Amino acid sequence: RIARRRRPARTRTHCHAHSHTGPSQSYTALGMAAVDDAELERVARVLRDEAAGVEQRHRALFTLRNVHTATSVRLLCEYLASARAASTTATASAAVDAGHDALLRHEVAYVLGQLGDDAALDTLERVLADTREHAMVRHECGESLGAIGAARSVDVLRRHAAVSATCPREVAETCTLALDRIEWHRQKQQQQ
């Protein structure tokens, strides 16, 4: 038997800590001044490029997160709103691709919650309400709405906080938790 080195466990925090735009370039090292809207558009093209590797697409995602400008938030929202999973009648290969795409859209929704930018609310609310969207993506949109904590999101979260034919359990439970988080923050602010 060959002994294998064990990899350290990857936590969600570690997984979402990339800051590279390409194999040799890091915006953290270059500084924020090096990033203009044209460069962000180039990075977003990599995020949208289904032929690009998973690592490249994730680097693009985390670059957009790390620069956190109005343009980067807009580009992330555009990606999340425009990407769609393959239909249930798709081939097995297309279904696998759709699963990978749903995972990336889930990550984009997560990043939008991390950024906490109100500019993402319309997109997150719309994707949460889209019953054609993958449940994993809808769940993450609900979680991100709770993380942002805007009072305006309460109505859409309430509409999706009960299990139904169009709202699976994981989405409903996440929306309930998001509502609890918003209420907790509201009460905490009142006490201050």
C-alpha atoms as a PDB file:
ATOM      1  CA  ARG A   1       0.000   0.000   0.000  1.00  0.00           C
ATOM      2  CA  ILE A   2       1.244   3.459  -0.872  1.00  0.00           C
ATOM      3  CA  ALA A   3       0.816   6.010   1.877  1.00  0.00           C
ATOM      4  CA  ARG A   4      -0.922   9.157   0.704  1.00  0.00           C
ATOM      5  CA  ARG A   5      -0.530  12.552   2.212  1.00  0.00           C
ATOM      6  CA  ARG A   6      -3.773  13.806   3.597  1.00  0.00           C
ATOM      7  CA  ARG A   7      -4.972  17.125   2.366  1.00  0.00           C
ATOM      8  CA  PRO A   8      -6.131  19.584   4.982  1.00  0.00           C
ATOM      9  CA  ALA A   9      -9.891  19.816   5.209  1.00  0.00           C
ATOM     10  CA  ARG A  10     -11.286  22.649   3.126  1.00  0.00           C
ATOM     11  CA  THR A  11     -13.719  24.846   4.911  1.00  0.00           C
ATOM     12  CA  ARG A  12     -16.124  27.159   3.194  1.00  0.00           C
ATOM     13  CA  THR A  13     -14.041  30.123   4.279  1.00  0.00           C
ATOM     14  CA  HIS A  14     -10.917  28.608   2.702  1.00  0.00           C
ATOM     15  CA  CYS A  15     -12.750  27.674  -0.449  1.00  0.00           C
ATOM     16  CA  HIS A  16     -13.971  31.247  -0.950  1.00  0.00           C
ATOM     17  CA  ALA A  17     -10.649  32.935  -0.294  1.00  0.00           C
ATOM     18  CA  HIS A  18      -9.155  33.006  -3.802  1.00  0.00           C
ATOM     19  CA  SER A  19      -8.036  36.364  -5.142  1.00  0.00           C
ATOM     20  CA  HIS A  20      -6.410  35.493  -8.458  1.00  0.00           C
ATOM     21  CA  THR A  21      -7.589  36.516 -11.895  1.00  0.00           C
ATOM     22  CA  GLY A  22      -5.369  34.169 -13.811  1.00  0.00           C
ATOM     23  CA  PRO A  23      -2.551  31.741 -13.308  1.00  0.00           C
ATOM     24  CA  SER A  24      -0.029  34.417 -12.398  1.00  0.00           C
ATOM     25  CA  GLN A  25      -1.966  37.550 -11.569  1.00  0.00           C
ATOM     26  CA  SER A  26      -3.522  38.587  -8.284  1.00  0.00           C
ATOM     27  CA  TYR A  27      -5.454  41.799  -7.807  1.00  0.00           C
ATOM     28  CA  THR A  28      -4.603  41.689  -4.135  1.00  0.00           C
ATOM     29  CA  ALA A  29      -0.958  42.055  -5.116  1.00  0.00           C
ATOM     30  CA  LEU A  30      -1.625  44.613  -7.862  1.00  0.00           C
ATOM     31  CA  GLY A  31      -3.868  46.820  -5.795  1.00  0.00           C
ATOM     32  CA  MET A  32      -7.339  48.114  -6.522  1.00  0.00           C
ATOM     33  CA  ALA A  33      -6.126  50.948  -8.756  1.00  0.00           C
ATOM     34  CA  ALA A  34      -5.037  48.407 -11.377  1.00  0.00           C
ATOM     35  CA  VAL A  35      -8.619  47.279 -12.022  1.00  0.00           C
ATOM     36  CA  ASP A  36     -10.802  49.262 -14.391  1.00  0.00           C
ATOM     37  CA  ASP A  37     -14.236  48.447 -15.809  1.00  0.00           C
ATOM     38  CA  ALA A  38     -12.788  47.058 -19.046  1.00  0.00           C
ATOM     39  CA  GLU A  39     -10.682  44.585 -17.046  1.00  0.00           C
ATOM     40  CA  LEU A  40     -13.711  43.611 -14.959  1.00  0.00           C
ATOM     41  CA  GLU A  41     -15.667  42.964 -18.163  1.00  0.00           C
ATOM     42  CA  ARG A  42     -12.814  40.695 -19.342  1.00  0.00           C
ATOM     43  CA  VAL A  43     -12.905  38.837 -16.036  1.00  0.00           C
ATOM     44  CA  ALA A  44     -16.689  38.453 -16.307  1.00  0.00           C
ATOM     45  CA  ARG A  45     -16.274  36.920 -19.777  1.00  0.00           C
ATOM     46  CA  VAL A  46     -14.139  34.194 -18.179  1.00  0.00           C
ATOM     47  CA  LEU A  47     -16.850  33.611 -15.559  1.00  0.00           C
ATOM     48  CA  ARG A  48     -19.434  33.181 -18.340  1.00  0.00           C
ATOM     49  CA  ASP A  49     -17.193  31.020 -20.556  1.00  0.00           C
ATOM     50  CA  GLU A  50     -18.484  27.469 -20.240  1.00  0.00           C
ATOM     51  CA  ALA A  51     -15.376  26.220 -22.069  1.00  0.00           C
ATOM     52  CA  ALA A  52     -13.106  27.707 -19.388  1.00  0.00           C
ATOM     53  CA  GLY A  53     -11.961  25.408 -16.617  1.00  0.00           C
ATOM     54  CA  VAL A  54     -13.599  25.356 -13.205  1.00  0.00           C
ATOM     55  CA  GLU A  55     -10.515  26.907 -11.606  1.00  0.00           C
ATOM     56  CA  GLN A  56     -10.460  29.794 -14.095  1.00  0.00           C
ATOM     57  CA  ARG A  57     -14.139  30.506 -13.631  1.00  0.00           C
ATOM     58  CA  HIS A  58     -13.786  30.482  -9.846  1.00  0.00           C
ATOM     59  CA  ARG A  59     -10.793  32.797 -10.029  1.00  0.00           C
ATOM     60  CA  ALA A  60     -12.902  35.164 -12.107  1.00  0.00           C
ATOM     61  CA  LEU A  61     -15.690  34.957  -9.538  1.00  0.00           C
ATOM     62  CA  PHE A  62     -13.383  35.715  -6.617  1.00  0.00           C
ATOM     63  CA  THR A  63     -11.669  38.512  -8.500  1.00  0.00           C
ATOM     64  CA  LEU A  64     -15.032  40.197  -8.984  1.00  0.00           C
ATOM     65  CA  ARG A  65     -15.738  39.679  -5.295  1.00  0.00           C
ATOM     66  CA  ASN A  66     -12.381  41.004  -4.168  1.00  0.00           C
ATOM     67  CA  VAL A  67     -12.556  44.259  -6.106  1.00  0.00           C
ATOM     68  CA  HIS A  68     -16.145  44.903  -4.933  1.00  0.00           C
ATOM     69  CA  THR A  69     -17.087  47.831  -7.112  1.00  0.00           C
ATOM     70  CA  ALA A  70     -20.485  48.758  -8.499  1.00  0.00           C
ATOM     71  CA  THR A  71     -19.366  47.250 -11.807  1.00  0.00           C
ATOM     72  CA  SER A  72     -18.260  43.954 -10.261  1.00  0.00           C
ATOM     73  CA  VAL A  73     -21.569  43.611  -8.377  1.00  0.00           C
ATOM     74  CA  ARG A  74     -23.492  44.385 -11.583  1.00  0.00           C
ATOM     75  CA  LEU A  75     -21.496  41.760 -13.515  1.00  0.00           C
ATOM     76  CA  LEU A  76     -22.081  39.118 -10.840  1.00  0.00           C
ATOM     77  CA  CYS A  77     -25.798  39.911 -10.833  1.00  0.00           C
ATOM     78  CA  GLU A  78     -25.942  39.718 -14.631  1.00  0.00           C
ATOM     79  CA  TYR A  79     -24.315  36.303 -14.545  1.00  0.00           C
ATOM     80  CA  LEU A  80     -26.627  34.995 -11.838  1.00  0.00           C
ATOM     81  CA  ALA A  81     -29.741  36.332 -13.571  1.00  0.00           C
ATOM     82  CA  SER A  82     -28.842  35.117 -17.061  1.00  0.00           C
ATOM     83  CA  ALA A  83     -27.507  31.623 -16.347  1.00  0.00           C
ATOM     84  CA  ARG A  84     -30.039  28.810 -16.363  1.00  0.00           C
ATOM     85  CA  ALA A  85     -29.874  25.115 -15.667  1.00  0.00           C
ATOM     86  CA  ALA A  86     -30.595  22.679 -18.488  1.00  0.00           C
ATOM     87  CA  SER A  87     -34.104  21.333 -18.677  1.00  0.00           C
ATOM     88  CA  THR A  88     -35.003  18.020 -17.083  1.00  0.00           C
ATOM     89  CA  THR A  89     -35.231  16.461 -20.549  1.00  0.00           C
ATOM     90  CA  ALA A  90     -31.536  17.138 -21.238  1.00  0.00           C
ATOM     91  CA  THR A  91     -29.037  14.415 -21.976  1.00  0.00           C
ATOM     92  CA  ALA A  92     -26.971  12.938 -19.137  1.00  0.00           C
ATOM     93  CA  SER A  93     -23.932  14.956 -20.260  1.00  0.00           C
ATOM     94  CA  ALA A  94     -25.946  18.183 -20.340  1.00  0.00           C
ATOM     95  CA  ALA A  95     -27.401  17.357 -16.926  1.00  0.00           C
ATOM     96  CA  VAL A  96     -23.878  17.040 -15.480  1.00  0.00           C
ATOM     97  CA  ASP A  97     -22.951  20.383 -17.076  1.00  0.00           C
ATOM     98  CA  ALA A  98     -26.129  21.907 -15.646  1.00  0.00           C
ATOM     99  CA  GLY A  99     -25.136  20.639 -12.192  1.00  0.00           C
ATOM    100  CA  HIS A 100     -21.732  22.281 -12.492  1.00  0.00           C
ATOM    101  CA  ASP A 101     -23.402  25.471 -13.711  1.00  0.00           C
ATOM    102  CA  ALA A 102     -25.846  25.413 -10.785  1.00  0.00           C
ATOM    103  CA  LEU A 103     -22.932  24.996  -8.398  1.00  0.00           C
ATOM    104  CA  LEU A 104     -21.205  28.051  -9.879  1.00  0.00           C
ATOM    105  CA  ARG A 105     -24.433  30.099  -9.742  1.00  0.00           C
ATOM    106  CA  HIS A 106     -24.765  28.998  -6.113  1.00  0.00           C
ATOM    107  CA  GLU A 107     -21.242  30.325  -5.481  1.00  0.00           C
ATOM    108  CA  VAL A 108     -22.109  33.616  -7.192  1.00  0.00           C
ATOM    109  CA  ALA A 109     -25.162  34.002  -4.957  1.00  0.00           C
ATOM    110  CA  TYR A 110     -22.980  33.245  -1.932  1.00  0.00           C
ATOM    111  CA  VAL A 111     -20.466  35.913  -2.972  1.00  0.00           C
ATOM    112  CA  LEU A 112     -23.253  38.473  -3.419  1.00  0.00           C
ATOM    113  CA  GLY A 113     -24.310  37.756   0.168  1.00  0.00           C
ATOM    114  CA  GLN A 114     -20.714  38.187   1.332  1.00  0.00           C
ATOM    115  CA  LEU A 115     -20.529  41.559  -0.381  1.00  0.00           C
ATOM    116  CA  GLY A 116     -23.696  42.696   1.382  1.00  0.00           C
ATOM    117  CA  ASP A 117     -24.463  45.170  -1.379  1.00  0.00           C
ATOM    118  CA  ASP A 118     -28.062  46.349  -1.751  1.00  0.00           C
ATOM    119  CA  ALA A 119     -27.488  46.535  -5.524  1.00  0.00           C
ATOM    120  CA  ALA A 120     -27.779  42.723  -5.560  1.00  0.00           C
ATOM    121  CA  LEU A 121     -31.220  42.602  -3.921  1.00  0.00           C
ATOM    122  CA  ASP A 122     -33.324  42.704  -7.115  1.00  0.00           C
ATOM    123  CA  THR A 123     -31.382  39.846  -8.690  1.00  0.00           C
ATOM    124  CA  LEU A 124     -31.297  37.706  -5.536  1.00  0.00           C
ATOM    125  CA  GLU A 125     -35.038  38.185  -4.977  1.00  0.00           C
ATOM    126  CA  ARG A 126     -35.869  37.413  -8.622  1.00  0.00           C
ATOM    127  CA  VAL A 127     -33.740  34.238  -8.704  1.00  0.00           C
ATOM    128  CA  LEU A 128     -35.149  33.066  -5.361  1.00  0.00           C
ATOM    129  CA  ALA A 129     -38.673  33.415  -6.766  1.00  0.00           C
ATOM    130  CA  ASP A 130     -37.855  31.632 -10.044  1.00  0.00           C
ATOM    131  CA  THR A 131     -39.322  28.149  -9.671  1.00  0.00           C
ATOM    132  CA  ARG A 132     -37.386  26.978 -12.766  1.00  0.00           C
ATOM    133  CA  GLU A 133     -34.100  27.668 -10.971  1.00  0.00           C
ATOM    134  CA  HIS A 134     -32.137  24.890  -9.257  1.00  0.00           C
ATOM    135  CA  ALA A 135     -33.110  24.567  -5.569  1.00  0.00           C
ATOM    136  CA  MET A 136     -29.459  24.893  -4.484  1.00  0.00           C
ATOM    137  CA  VAL A 137     -29.219  28.295  -6.200  1.00  0.00           C
ATOM    138  CA  ARG A 138     -32.561  29.454  -4.772  1.00  0.00           C
ATOM    139  CA  HIS A 139     -31.454  28.342  -1.297  1.00  0.00           C
ATOM    140  CA  GLU A 140     -28.261  30.393  -1.559  1.00  0.00           C
ATOM    141  CA  CYS A 141     -30.175  33.442  -2.788  1.00  0.00           C
ATOM    142  CA  GLY A 142     -32.389  33.207   0.299  1.00  0.00           C
ATOM    143  CA  GLU A 143     -29.352  32.888   2.531  1.00  0.00           C
ATOM    144  CA  SER A 144     -27.705  35.886   0.876  1.00  0.00           C
ATOM    145  CA  LEU A 145     -30.831  37.986   1.302  1.00  0.00           C
ATOM    146  CA  GLY A 146     -30.695  37.173   5.004  1.00  0.00           C
ATOM    147  CA  ALA A 147     -27.007  38.090   5.110  1.00  0.00           C
ATOM    148  CA  ILE A 148     -27.673  41.456   3.458  1.00  0.00           C
ATOM    149  CA  GLY A 149     -30.550  41.954   5.870  1.00  0.00           C
ATOM    150  CA  ALA A 150     -32.647  44.487   3.970  1.00  0.00           C
ATOM    151  CA  ALA A 151     -36.174  44.970   5.291  1.00  0.00           C
ATOM    152  CA  ARG A 152     -37.500  45.081   1.721  1.00  0.00           C
ATOM    153  CA  SER A 153     -36.598  41.374   1.274  1.00  0.00           C
ATOM    154  CA  VAL A 154     -38.894  40.227   4.072  1.00  0.00           C
ATOM    155  CA  ASP A 155     -41.941  39.869   1.802  1.00  0.00           C
ATOM    156  CA  VAL A 156     -40.211  37.678  -0.793  1.00  0.00           C
ATOM    157  CA  LEU A 157     -38.625  35.574   1.958  1.00  0.00           C
ATOM    158  CA  ARG A 158     -42.022  35.081   3.639  1.00  0.00           C
ATOM    159  CA  ARG A 159     -43.553  33.970   0.335  1.00  0.00           C
ATOM    160  CA  HIS A 160     -40.936  31.222   0.129  1.00  0.00           C
ATOM    161  CA  ALA A 161     -40.755  30.206   3.792  1.00  0.00           C
ATOM    162  CA  ALA A 162     -43.280  27.392   3.472  1.00  0.00           C
ATOM    163  CA  VAL A 163     -42.779  24.083   1.683  1.00  0.00           C
ATOM    164  CA  SER A 164     -45.003  23.790  -1.378  1.00  0.00           C
ATOM    165  CA  ALA A 165     -45.060  22.287  -4.844  1.00  0.00           C
ATOM    166  CA  THR A 166     -42.924  25.206  -6.062  1.00  0.00           C
ATOM    167  CA  CYS A 167     -40.813  25.689  -2.945  1.00  0.00           C
ATOM    168  CA  PRO A 168     -38.712  22.720  -1.828  1.00  0.00           C
ATOM    169  CA  ARG A 169     -37.874  22.163   1.807  1.00  0.00           C
ATOM    170  CA  GLU A 170     -34.255  23.414   1.600  1.00  0.00           C
ATOM    171  CA  VAL A 171     -35.440  26.702   0.111  1.00  0.00           C
ATOM    172  CA  ALA A 172     -38.258  27.142   2.626  1.00  0.00           C
ATOM    173  CA  GLU A 173     -36.039  26.383   5.620  1.00  0.00           C
ATOM    174  CA  THR A 174     -33.352  28.775   4.401  1.00  0.00           C
ATOM    175  CA  CYS A 175     -35.915  31.538   3.904  1.00  0.00           C
ATOM    176  CA  THR A 176     -37.186  30.971   7.450  1.00  0.00           C
ATOM    177  CA  LEU A 177     -33.639  31.258   8.788  1.00  0.00           C
ATOM    178  CA  ALA A 178     -33.047  34.395   6.697  1.00  0.00           C
ATOM    179  CA  LEU A 179     -36.194  35.957   8.161  1.00  0.00           C
ATOM    180  CA  ASP A 180     -34.984  35.091  11.661  1.00  0.00           C
ATOM    181  CA  ARG A 181     -31.625  36.693  10.928  1.00  0.00           C
ATOM    182  CA  ILE A 182     -33.208  39.899   9.621  1.00  0.00           C
ATOM    183  CA  GLU A 183     -35.448  40.081  12.688  1.00  0.00           C
ATOM    184  CA  TRP A 184     -32.508  39.450  15.023  1.00  0.00           C
ATOM    185  CA  HIS A 185     -30.550  42.286  13.403  1.00  0.00           C
ATOM    186  CA  ARG A 186     -33.594  44.574  13.610  1.00  0.00           C
ATOM    187  CA  GLN A 187     -34.000  43.867  17.342  1.00  0.00           C
ATOM    188  CA  LYS A 188     -30.281  44.320  17.944  1.00  0.00           C
ATOM    189  CA  GLN A 189     -30.378  47.729  16.240  1.00  0.00           C
ATOM    190  CA  GLN A 190     -33.378  48.796  18.340  1.00  0.00           C
ATOM    191  CA  GLN A 191     -31.476  47.952  21.525  1.00  0.00           C
ATOM    192  CA  GLN A 192     -28.586  50.220  20.582  1.00  0.00           C
END
